[in-house]
Amino acid sequence: MRFIRLGRWSFELHRRALHATREPRPDPKCTDCLGRGGHGWITPFGDADWEDCHCVSSLVAFRIPLWPRSRRQYLESEPF
């Protein structure tokens, strides 16, 4: 698997498909979270807790199927 990140987009190349994912982006003009994308605080146990704001856009993901590989390519390549 190969991975590349371009800005908010990340691309993963697998054997049979290309996966493209766009990270969510908060609204910079939001008055509730001030453009940070949510509200975070430290719990009494020392853990960080995060709650997303309503202004954050949804995660966008695409799967682009690639052409099927021939059986010959599998037999000619070394397994490791």
C-alpha atoms as a PDB file:
ATOM      1  CA  MET A   1       0.000   0.000   0.000  1.00  0.00           C
ATOM      2  CA  ARG A   2       1.246   3.497  -0.829  1.00  0.00           C
ATOM      3  CA  PHE A   3       0.091   6.685   0.876  1.00  0.00           C
ATOM      4  CA  ILE A   4       0.361  10.357  -0.080  1.00  0.00           C
ATOM      5  CA  ARG A   5      -1.116  13.498   1.500  1.00  0.00           C
ATOM      6  CA  LEU A   6      -1.862  16.687  -0.435  1.00  0.00           C
ATOM      7  CA  GLY A   7      -3.329  19.383   1.792  1.00  0.00           C
ATOM      8  CA  ARG A   8      -6.596  18.083   3.241  1.00  0.00           C
ATOM      9  CA  TRP A   9      -6.655  15.141   0.805  1.00  0.00           C
ATOM     10  CA  SER A  10      -5.035  11.760   1.432  1.00  0.00           C
ATOM     11  CA  PHE A  11      -4.661   9.040  -1.185  1.00  0.00           C
ATOM     12  CA  GLU A  12      -4.039   5.343  -0.592  1.00  0.00           C
ATOM     13  CA  LEU A  13      -3.139   3.032  -3.440  1.00  0.00           C
ATOM     14  CA  HIS A  14      -4.124  -0.596  -2.923  1.00  0.00           C
ATOM     15  CA  ARG A  15      -3.916  -3.490  -5.369  1.00  0.00           C
ATOM     16  CA  ARG A  16      -7.473  -3.162  -6.631  1.00  0.00           C
ATOM     17  CA  ALA A  17      -8.481   0.429  -5.815  1.00  0.00           C
ATOM     18  CA  LEU A  18      -7.429   3.981  -5.099  1.00  0.00           C
ATOM     19  CA  HIS A  19      -8.931   5.458  -1.923  1.00  0.00           C
ATOM     20  CA  ALA A  20      -9.227   9.264  -1.743  1.00  0.00           C
ATOM     21  CA  THR A  21     -10.281  10.918   1.525  1.00  0.00           C
ATOM     22  CA  ARG A  22     -10.800  14.599   2.350  1.00  0.00           C
ATOM     23  CA  GLU A  23     -10.451  15.639   5.968  1.00  0.00           C
ATOM     24  CA  PRO A  24     -13.308  17.635   7.495  1.00  0.00           C
ATOM     25  CA  ARG A  25     -12.853  21.402   7.660  1.00  0.00           C
ATOM     26  CA  PRO A  26     -14.434  23.681  10.259  1.00  0.00           C
ATOM     27  CA  ASP A  27     -16.101  26.957   9.318  1.00  0.00           C
ATOM     28  CA  PRO A  28     -13.630  29.739  10.196  1.00  0.00           C
ATOM     29  CA  LYS A  29     -16.523  32.165  10.894  1.00  0.00           C
ATOM     30  CA  CYS A  30     -18.270  29.927  13.454  1.00  0.00           C
ATOM     31  CA  THR A  31     -19.037  31.805  16.668  1.00  0.00           C
ATOM     32  CA  ASP A  32     -19.447  28.621  18.751  1.00  0.00           C
ATOM     33  CA  CYS A  33     -15.967  27.135  18.280  1.00  0.00           C
ATOM     34  CA  LEU A  34     -14.142  30.186  16.833  1.00  0.00           C
ATOM     35  CA  GLY A  35     -12.983  28.149  13.812  1.00  0.00           C
ATOM     36  CA  ARG A  36     -11.280  25.397  15.833  1.00  0.00           C
ATOM     37  CA  GLY A  37     -13.782  22.716  14.837  1.00  0.00           C
ATOM     38  CA  GLY A  38     -14.963  21.763  18.290  1.00  0.00           C
ATOM     39  CA  HIS A  39     -14.566  22.043  22.017  1.00  0.00           C
ATOM     40  CA  GLY A  40     -11.931  20.206  23.988  1.00  0.00           C
ATOM     41  CA  TRP A  41     -11.180  19.828  27.668  1.00  0.00           C
ATOM     42  CA  ILE A  42      -9.182  17.695  30.056  1.00  0.00           C
ATOM     43  CA  THR A  43     -11.167  15.193  32.130  1.00  0.00           C
ATOM     44  CA  PRO A  44     -10.452  14.676  35.859  1.00  0.00           C
ATOM     45  CA  PHE A  45      -8.600  11.472  34.915  1.00  0.00           C
ATOM     46  CA  GLY A  46      -6.110  13.369  32.721  1.00  0.00           C
ATOM     47  CA  ASP A  47      -7.597  12.292  29.392  1.00  0.00           C
ATOM     48  CA  ALA A  48      -8.322  14.783  26.632  1.00  0.00           C
ATOM     49  CA  ASP A  49     -11.928  14.857  25.456  1.00  0.00           C
ATOM     50  CA  TRP A  50     -13.094  16.439  22.207  1.00  0.00           C
ATOM     51  CA  GLU A  51     -16.564  17.219  20.881  1.00  0.00           C
ATOM     52  CA  ASP A  52     -16.992  18.240  17.246  1.00  0.00           C
ATOM     53  CA  CYS A  53     -18.873  21.432  16.468  1.00  0.00           C
ATOM     54  CA  HIS A  54     -21.907  21.504  14.170  1.00  0.00           C
ATOM     55  CA  CYS A  55     -19.955  23.620  11.652  1.00  0.00           C
ATOM     56  CA  VAL A  56     -17.486  20.845  10.727  1.00  0.00           C
ATOM     57  CA  SER A  57     -18.081  19.520   7.221  1.00  0.00           C
ATOM     58  CA  SER A  58     -18.514  15.799   6.835  1.00  0.00           C
ATOM     59  CA  LEU A  59     -15.733  13.400   5.886  1.00  0.00           C
ATOM     60  CA  VAL A  60     -15.640  12.745   2.147  1.00  0.00           C
ATOM     61  CA  ALA A  61     -14.252   9.444   0.858  1.00  0.00           C
ATOM     62  CA  PHE A  62     -14.078   7.947  -2.616  1.00  0.00           C
ATOM     63  CA  ARG A  63     -13.070   4.481  -3.790  1.00  0.00           C
ATOM     64  CA  ILE A  64     -11.906   4.320  -7.391  1.00  0.00           C
ATOM     65  CA  PRO A  65     -11.609   0.722  -8.621  1.00  0.00           C
ATOM     66  CA  LEU A  66      -8.591  -0.080 -10.757  1.00  0.00           C
ATOM     67  CA  TRP A  67      -8.335  -2.538 -13.588  1.00  0.00           C
ATOM     68  CA  PRO A  68      -8.091  -6.195 -12.560  1.00  0.00           C
ATOM     69  CA  ARG A  69      -4.587  -7.603 -12.515  1.00  0.00           C
ATOM     70  CA  SER A  70      -3.896 -10.606 -14.654  1.00  0.00           C
ATOM     71  CA  ARG A  71      -3.058 -13.909 -13.011  1.00  0.00           C
ATOM     72  CA  ARG A  72       0.219 -13.902 -14.904  1.00  0.00           C
ATOM     73  CA  GLN A  73       1.455 -10.870 -12.938  1.00  0.00           C
ATOM     74  CA  TYR A  74       0.882 -12.709  -9.675  1.00  0.00           C
ATOM     75  CA  LEU A  75       2.795 -15.804 -10.817  1.00  0.00           C
ATOM     76  CA  GLU A  76       5.802 -13.906 -12.205  1.00  0.00           C
ATOM     77  CA  SER A  77       6.344 -11.664  -9.178  1.00  0.00           C
ATOM     78  CA  GLU A  78       8.199 -12.798  -6.114  1.00  0.00           C
ATOM     79  CA  PRO A  79       6.002 -13.109  -3.015  1.00  0.00           C
ATOM     80  CA  PHE A  80       8.381 -11.166  -0.725  1.00  0.00           C
END
